[in-house]
Amino acid sequence: MEVGQTLEPLQKDGITHTQLVRYAGASGDFNPIHTVVPFAEGAGLGGVIAHGMLVMGFVGQAIGQWFEVKDLKKFTTRFKAMTRPGEKISVQGRIVNENEACWICEAEAVNEDGEVKVKAFFEVKK
């Protein structure tokens, strides 16, 4: 590993409405903007949106493929845009710096148009 190295992208299939319903059940987040189309439309969203934590979970999945989970020291995210059913999310990452103990990295979850959904920063023990 070295500073500037890009990490193998994680490509997710298109998000489905069924996936959102299942995630709601698994997470306990039953906000109807994620699962009930008429409610989400009435809220001015133009349809349901994915849980932000679902997309954050994709980033976590990628980190787990890039590094040993036991070595993860820090993981922070910023939500940048809504994600909708049908969007295919790719998680891209790179090592941006290092210190004597850790690799300092960043990752982005983006859709097929390059729109950033989640921006993450994380540190991993060397």
N, C-alpha and C. Protein backbone atom coordinates (compact mmCIF):
# COMPACT_ATOMS: atom_id res chain seq x y z
N MET A 1 0.84 -1.18 0.00
CA MET A 1 0.00 0.00 0.00
C MET A 1 0.88 1.24 0.00
N GLU A 2 0.38 2.28 -0.68
CA GLU A 2 1.13 3.53 -0.70
C GLU A 2 0.18 4.71 -0.91
N VAL A 3 0.62 5.87 -0.47
CA VAL A 3 -0.16 7.10 -0.63
C VAL A 3 -0.42 7.32 -2.12
N GLY A 4 -1.66 7.67 -2.45
CA GLY A 4 -2.06 7.89 -3.84
C GLY A 4 -2.66 6.66 -4.50
N GLN A 5 -2.52 5.51 -3.86
CA GLN A 5 -3.05 4.27 -4.43
C GLN A 5 -4.57 4.29 -4.43
N THR A 6 -5.15 3.93 -5.59
CA THR A 6 -6.60 3.77 -5.65
C THR A 6 -6.94 2.33 -5.27
N LEU A 7 -8.11 2.17 -4.70
CA LEU A 7 -8.57 0.87 -4.23
C LEU A 7 -9.61 0.32 -5.19
N GLU A 8 -9.69 -0.97 -5.30
CA GLU A 8 -10.61 -1.63 -6.25
C GLU A 8 -12.06 -1.20 -5.97
N PRO A 9 -12.74 -0.58 -6.95
CA PRO A 9 -14.12 -0.13 -6.71
C PRO A 9 -15.07 -1.29 -6.40
N LEU A 10 -16.03 -1.01 -5.56
CA LEU A 10 -17.12 -1.95 -5.27
C LEU A 10 -18.32 -1.49 -6.07
N GLN A 11 -18.84 -2.34 -6.93
CA GLN A 11 -20.01 -2.01 -7.76
C GLN A 11 -21.24 -2.72 -7.21
N LYS A 12 -22.27 -1.95 -6.91
CA LYS A 12 -23.53 -2.50 -6.42
C LYS A 12 -24.56 -2.51 -7.56
N ASP A 13 -25.42 -3.51 -7.54
CA ASP A 13 -26.52 -3.56 -8.50
C ASP A 13 -27.48 -2.41 -8.21
N GLY A 14 -28.38 -2.15 -9.15
CA GLY A 14 -29.37 -1.10 -8.97
C GLY A 14 -30.20 -1.33 -7.71
N ILE A 15 -30.42 -0.28 -6.97
CA ILE A 15 -31.21 -0.36 -5.74
C ILE A 15 -32.67 -0.64 -6.11
N THR A 16 -33.29 -1.57 -5.40
CA THR A 16 -34.68 -1.92 -5.67
C THR A 16 -35.58 -1.46 -4.52
N HIS A 17 -36.85 -1.33 -4.83
CA HIS A 17 -37.83 -0.98 -3.80
C HIS A 17 -37.88 -2.08 -2.74
N THR A 18 -37.80 -3.32 -3.17
CA THR A 18 -37.79 -4.44 -2.22
C THR A 18 -36.60 -4.33 -1.27
N GLN A 19 -35.46 -3.93 -1.79
CA GLN A 19 -34.27 -3.75 -0.95
C GLN A 19 -34.52 -2.68 0.11
N LEU A 20 -35.21 -1.61 -0.26
CA LEU A 20 -35.51 -0.55 0.71
C LEU A 20 -36.45 -1.05 1.80
N VAL A 21 -37.44 -1.84 1.42
CA VAL A 21 -38.37 -2.40 2.41
C VAL A 21 -37.62 -3.35 3.34
N ARG A 22 -36.76 -4.17 2.80
CA ARG A 22 -36.00 -5.10 3.63
C ARG A 22 -35.05 -4.35 4.56
N TYR A 23 -34.42 -3.30 4.04
CA TYR A 23 -33.52 -2.52 4.88
C TYR A 23 -34.29 -1.83 6.00
N ALA A 24 -35.48 -1.33 5.70
CA ALA A 24 -36.32 -0.72 6.74
C ALA A 24 -36.55 -1.71 7.87
N GLY A 25 -36.89 -2.95 7.52
CA GLY A 25 -37.11 -3.97 8.53
C GLY A 25 -35.87 -4.31 9.32
N ALA A 26 -34.74 -4.39 8.64
CA ALA A 26 -33.49 -4.74 9.31
C ALA A 26 -32.99 -3.62 10.21
N SER A 27 -33.19 -2.38 9.78
CA SER A 27 -32.65 -1.24 10.53
C SER A 27 -33.62 -0.67 11.54
N GLY A 28 -34.91 -0.95 11.36
CA GLY A 28 -35.92 -0.34 12.22
C GLY A 28 -36.31 1.06 11.79
N ASP A 29 -35.81 1.51 10.63
CA ASP A 29 -36.13 2.85 10.11
C ASP A 29 -37.30 2.71 9.14
N PHE A 30 -38.50 2.90 9.67
CA PHE A 30 -39.72 2.74 8.87
C PHE A 30 -40.28 4.06 8.37
N ASN A 31 -39.46 5.08 8.26
CA ASN A 31 -39.92 6.35 7.72
C ASN A 31 -40.50 6.07 6.33
N PRO A 32 -41.76 6.43 6.08
CA PRO A 32 -42.41 6.09 4.81
C PRO A 32 -41.82 6.77 3.58
N ILE A 33 -40.93 7.74 3.75
CA ILE A 33 -40.29 8.33 2.56
C ILE A 33 -39.38 7.32 1.87
N HIS A 34 -39.06 6.23 2.58
CA HIS A 34 -38.18 5.20 2.02
C HIS A 34 -38.95 4.03 1.39
N THR A 35 -40.23 3.90 1.72
CA THR A 35 -40.94 2.69 1.29
C THR A 35 -42.31 2.92 0.68
N VAL A 36 -42.95 4.05 0.94
CA VAL A 36 -44.32 4.28 0.49
C VAL A 36 -44.32 5.38 -0.58
N VAL A 37 -44.47 4.97 -1.83
CA VAL A 37 -44.36 5.91 -2.95
C VAL A 37 -45.32 7.10 -2.82
N PRO A 38 -46.62 6.89 -2.58
CA PRO A 38 -47.51 8.07 -2.47
C PRO A 38 -47.12 9.02 -1.35
N PHE A 39 -46.64 8.48 -0.24
CA PHE A 39 -46.21 9.34 0.87
C PHE A 39 -45.00 10.17 0.45
N ALA A 40 -44.00 9.52 -0.16
CA ALA A 40 -42.78 10.23 -0.59
C ALA A 40 -43.11 11.27 -1.64
N GLU A 41 -44.03 10.95 -2.55
CA GLU A 41 -44.45 11.93 -3.55
C GLU A 41 -45.14 13.11 -2.88
N GLY A 42 -46.01 12.83 -1.90
CA GLY A 42 -46.70 13.88 -1.17
C GLY A 42 -45.75 14.77 -0.37
N ALA A 43 -44.60 14.22 -0.01
CA ALA A 43 -43.58 14.98 0.72
C ALA A 43 -42.71 15.81 -0.23
N GLY A 44 -43.03 15.73 -1.53
CA GLY A 44 -42.27 16.51 -2.51
C GLY A 44 -40.98 15.89 -2.98
N LEU A 45 -40.80 14.60 -2.73
CA LEU A 45 -39.56 13.93 -3.11
C LEU A 45 -39.61 13.30 -4.50
N GLY A 46 -40.79 13.25 -5.11
CA GLY A 46 -40.89 12.65 -6.44
C GLY A 46 -40.79 11.14 -6.42
N GLY A 47 -40.94 10.53 -5.29
CA GLY A 47 -40.83 9.08 -5.13
C GLY A 47 -39.96 8.75 -3.93
N VAL A 48 -39.85 7.46 -3.63
CA VAL A 48 -39.08 7.05 -2.46
C VAL A 48 -37.59 7.29 -2.67
N ILE A 49 -36.90 7.45 -1.55
CA ILE A 49 -35.45 7.59 -1.58
C ILE A 49 -34.83 6.52 -0.67
N ALA A 50 -33.62 6.12 -1.01
CA ALA A 50 -32.92 5.12 -0.21
C ALA A 50 -32.51 5.71 1.13
N HIS A 51 -32.43 4.87 2.13
CA HIS A 51 -31.90 5.26 3.43
C HIS A 51 -30.44 5.68 3.24
N GLY A 52 -30.08 6.81 3.79
CA GLY A 52 -28.68 7.23 3.72
C GLY A 52 -27.75 6.20 4.35
N MET A 53 -28.23 5.59 5.43
CA MET A 53 -27.40 4.59 6.11
C MET A 53 -27.18 3.34 5.26
N LEU A 54 -28.09 3.05 4.34
CA LEU A 54 -27.89 1.93 3.42
C LEU A 54 -26.68 2.22 2.53
N VAL A 55 -26.64 3.43 1.99
CA VAL A 55 -25.52 3.81 1.12
C VAL A 55 -24.23 3.89 1.92
N MET A 56 -24.31 4.38 3.15
CA MET A 56 -23.14 4.38 4.03
C MET A 56 -22.67 2.94 4.27
N GLY A 57 -23.61 2.02 4.39
CA GLY A 57 -23.27 0.61 4.55
C GLY A 57 -22.51 0.06 3.35
N PHE A 58 -22.84 0.55 2.15
CA PHE A 58 -22.08 0.13 0.97
C PHE A 58 -20.61 0.55 1.11
N VAL A 59 -20.40 1.76 1.63
CA VAL A 59 -19.02 2.23 1.85
C VAL A 59 -18.33 1.34 2.88
N GLY A 60 -19.04 1.00 3.95
CA GLY A 60 -18.48 0.10 4.94
C GLY A 60 -18.13 -1.27 4.36
N GLN A 61 -18.99 -1.75 3.46
CA GLN A 61 -18.73 -3.03 2.80
C GLN A 61 -17.44 -2.94 1.98
N ALA A 62 -17.26 -1.84 1.27
CA ALA A 62 -16.05 -1.65 0.47
C ALA A 62 -14.81 -1.62 1.35
N ILE A 63 -14.87 -0.87 2.45
CA ILE A 63 -13.73 -0.80 3.37
C ILE A 63 -13.37 -2.20 3.85
N GLY A 64 -14.38 -3.01 4.15
CA GLY A 64 -14.15 -4.39 4.59
C GLY A 64 -13.52 -5.26 3.52
N GLN A 65 -13.68 -4.90 2.26
CA GLN A 65 -13.02 -5.64 1.18
C GLN A 65 -11.60 -5.13 0.94
N TRP A 66 -11.37 -3.88 1.26
CA TRP A 66 -10.04 -3.29 1.03
C TRP A 66 -9.07 -3.59 2.16
N PHE A 67 -9.59 -3.66 3.38
CA PHE A 67 -8.74 -3.82 4.57
C PHE A 67 -9.40 -4.80 5.54
N GLU A 68 -8.62 -5.24 6.51
CA GLU A 68 -9.17 -6.06 7.59
C GLU A 68 -10.04 -5.17 8.48
N VAL A 69 -11.26 -5.58 8.74
CA VAL A 69 -12.18 -4.77 9.54
C VAL A 69 -11.60 -4.49 10.93
N LYS A 70 -10.88 -5.43 11.48
CA LYS A 70 -10.29 -5.25 12.82
C LYS A 70 -9.28 -4.10 12.84
N ASP A 71 -8.77 -3.69 11.68
CA ASP A 71 -7.78 -2.62 11.61
C ASP A 71 -8.39 -1.23 11.42
N LEU A 72 -9.71 -1.16 11.25
CA LEU A 72 -10.37 0.13 11.05
C LEU A 72 -10.33 0.92 12.36
N LYS A 73 -9.78 2.14 12.30
CA LYS A 73 -9.64 2.98 13.48
C LYS A 73 -10.65 4.12 13.52
N LYS A 74 -11.05 4.63 12.35
CA LYS A 74 -11.94 5.78 12.28
C LYS A 74 -12.72 5.70 10.97
N PHE A 75 -13.98 6.12 11.03
CA PHE A 75 -14.85 6.09 9.85
C PHE A 75 -15.87 7.20 10.00
N THR A 76 -15.80 8.20 9.15
CA THR A 76 -16.77 9.31 9.18
C THR A 76 -17.35 9.49 7.78
N THR A 77 -18.58 9.95 7.73
CA THR A 77 -19.23 10.17 6.43
C THR A 77 -19.98 11.49 6.42
N ARG A 78 -20.20 11.96 5.21
CA ARG A 78 -21.08 13.10 4.93
C ARG A 78 -22.00 12.67 3.81
N PHE A 79 -23.28 12.89 4.04
CA PHE A 79 -24.27 12.58 3.02
C PHE A 79 -24.37 13.76 2.08
N LYS A 80 -24.31 13.50 0.78
CA LYS A 80 -24.24 14.58 -0.21
C LYS A 80 -25.48 14.69 -1.09
N ALA A 81 -26.15 13.58 -1.39
CA ALA A 81 -27.30 13.62 -2.29
C ALA A 81 -28.19 12.41 -2.04
N MET A 82 -29.46 12.56 -2.40
CA MET A 82 -30.41 11.45 -2.25
C MET A 82 -30.14 10.38 -3.30
N THR A 83 -30.44 9.15 -2.92
CA THR A 83 -30.28 8.00 -3.80
C THR A 83 -31.66 7.40 -4.03
N ARG A 84 -31.94 7.06 -5.28
CA ARG A 84 -33.28 6.56 -5.65
C ARG A 84 -33.21 5.12 -6.17
N PRO A 85 -34.33 4.42 -6.08
CA PRO A 85 -34.37 3.08 -6.66
C PRO A 85 -33.94 3.12 -8.13
N GLY A 86 -33.22 2.10 -8.53
CA GLY A 86 -32.72 2.00 -9.89
C GLY A 86 -31.28 2.48 -10.03
N GLU A 87 -30.83 3.32 -9.12
CA GLU A 87 -29.46 3.82 -9.23
C GLU A 87 -28.47 2.72 -8.87
N LYS A 88 -27.41 2.65 -9.64
CA LYS A 88 -26.32 1.72 -9.38
C LYS A 88 -25.21 2.50 -8.71
N ILE A 89 -24.82 2.05 -7.54
CA ILE A 89 -23.82 2.75 -6.74
C ILE A 89 -22.48 2.05 -6.85
N SER A 90 -21.45 2.85 -7.05
CA SER A 90 -20.08 2.37 -7.06
C SER A 90 -19.35 3.07 -5.93
N VAL A 91 -18.58 2.31 -5.16
CA VAL A 91 -17.79 2.90 -4.08
C VAL A 91 -16.33 2.88 -4.52
N GLN A 92 -15.76 4.07 -4.56
CA GLN A 92 -14.38 4.25 -4.99
C GLN A 92 -13.57 4.78 -3.82
N GLY A 93 -12.35 4.33 -3.69
CA GLY A 93 -11.53 4.79 -2.57
C GLY A 93 -10.09 4.95 -2.95
N ARG A 94 -9.37 5.68 -2.09
CA ARG A 94 -7.93 5.83 -2.30
C ARG A 94 -7.26 6.19 -0.99
N ILE A 95 -5.98 5.91 -0.94
CA ILE A 95 -5.16 6.27 0.21
C ILE A 95 -4.64 7.67 -0.04
N VAL A 96 -4.93 8.59 0.88
CA VAL A 96 -4.55 9.99 0.65
C VAL A 96 -3.36 10.44 1.49
N ASN A 97 -3.07 9.72 2.58
CA ASN A 97 -1.96 10.12 3.43
C ASN A 97 -1.62 8.96 4.37
N GLU A 98 -0.62 9.14 5.18
CA GLU A 98 -0.26 8.13 6.17
C GLU A 98 0.45 8.80 7.33
N ASN A 99 0.45 8.12 8.45
CA ASN A 99 1.33 8.49 9.56
C ASN A 99 2.02 7.22 9.99
N GLU A 100 2.73 7.24 11.09
CA GLU A 100 3.49 6.04 11.44
C GLU A 100 2.62 4.83 11.74
N ALA A 101 1.36 5.05 12.09
CA ALA A 101 0.50 3.94 12.51
C ALA A 101 -0.62 3.62 11.52
N CYS A 102 -1.05 4.59 10.72
CA CYS A 102 -2.28 4.41 9.93
C CYS A 102 -2.16 4.88 8.49
N TRP A 103 -2.98 4.25 7.65
CA TRP A 103 -3.27 4.77 6.32
C TRP A 103 -4.47 5.69 6.46
N ILE A 104 -4.43 6.85 5.87
CA ILE A 104 -5.53 7.80 5.90
C ILE A 104 -6.17 7.78 4.52
N CYS A 105 -7.46 7.48 4.48
CA CYS A 105 -8.12 7.18 3.20
C CYS A 105 -9.41 7.98 3.04
N GLU A 106 -9.87 8.02 1.80
CA GLU A 106 -11.17 8.60 1.51
C GLU A 106 -11.91 7.67 0.56
N ALA A 107 -13.22 7.77 0.59
CA ALA A 107 -14.06 6.97 -0.31
C ALA A 107 -15.27 7.80 -0.69
N GLU A 108 -15.84 7.47 -1.84
CA GLU A 108 -17.07 8.10 -2.31
C GLU A 108 -17.99 7.03 -2.86
N ALA A 109 -19.27 7.17 -2.53
CA ALA A 109 -20.30 6.35 -3.16
C ALA A 109 -20.92 7.24 -4.23
N VAL A 110 -20.84 6.80 -5.47
CA VAL A 110 -21.34 7.61 -6.59
C VAL A 110 -22.29 6.77 -7.44
N ASN A 111 -23.21 7.44 -8.12
CA ASN A 111 -24.08 6.72 -9.05
C ASN A 111 -23.42 6.65 -10.42
N GLU A 112 -24.13 6.06 -11.37
CA GLU A 112 -23.57 5.85 -12.71
C GLU A 112 -23.32 7.16 -13.46
N ASP A 113 -23.91 8.27 -13.00
CA ASP A 113 -23.67 9.58 -13.61
C ASP A 113 -22.56 10.35 -12.90
N GLY A 114 -21.95 9.73 -11.89
CA GLY A 114 -20.86 10.37 -11.16
C GLY A 114 -21.32 11.28 -10.03
N GLU A 115 -22.63 11.29 -9.73
CA GLU A 115 -23.14 12.12 -8.63
C GLU A 115 -22.72 11.49 -7.30
N VAL A 116 -22.05 12.26 -6.46
CA VAL A 116 -21.58 11.76 -5.17
C VAL A 116 -22.76 11.70 -4.20
N LYS A 117 -22.97 10.53 -3.64
CA LYS A 117 -24.04 10.31 -2.67
C LYS A 117 -23.53 10.38 -1.24
N VAL A 118 -22.36 9.79 -1.01
CA VAL A 118 -21.74 9.78 0.31
C VAL A 118 -20.25 10.00 0.12
N LYS A 119 -19.67 10.85 0.95
CA LYS A 119 -18.23 11.07 0.99
C LYS A 119 -17.77 10.57 2.35
N ALA A 120 -16.73 9.77 2.37
CA ALA A 120 -16.26 9.17 3.62
C ALA A 120 -14.76 9.36 3.78
N PHE A 121 -14.35 9.43 5.03
CA PHE A 121 -12.95 9.45 5.40
C PHE A 121 -12.75 8.36 6.44
N PHE A 122 -11.64 7.65 6.33
CA PHE A 122 -11.38 6.58 7.30
C PHE A 122 -9.91 6.37 7.48
N GLU A 123 -9.56 5.82 8.62
CA GLU A 123 -8.18 5.49 8.94
C GLU A 123 -8.08 4.02 9.26
N VAL A 124 -7.02 3.40 8.76
CA VAL A 124 -6.81 1.97 8.94
C VAL A 124 -5.40 1.73 9.44
N LYS A 125 -5.29 0.90 10.45
CA LYS A 125 -3.98 0.53 11.00
C LYS A 125 -3.13 -0.13 9.93
N LYS A 126 -1.86 0.25 9.85
CA LYS A 126 -0.94 -0.35 8.89
C LYS A 126 -0.63 -1.79 9.26
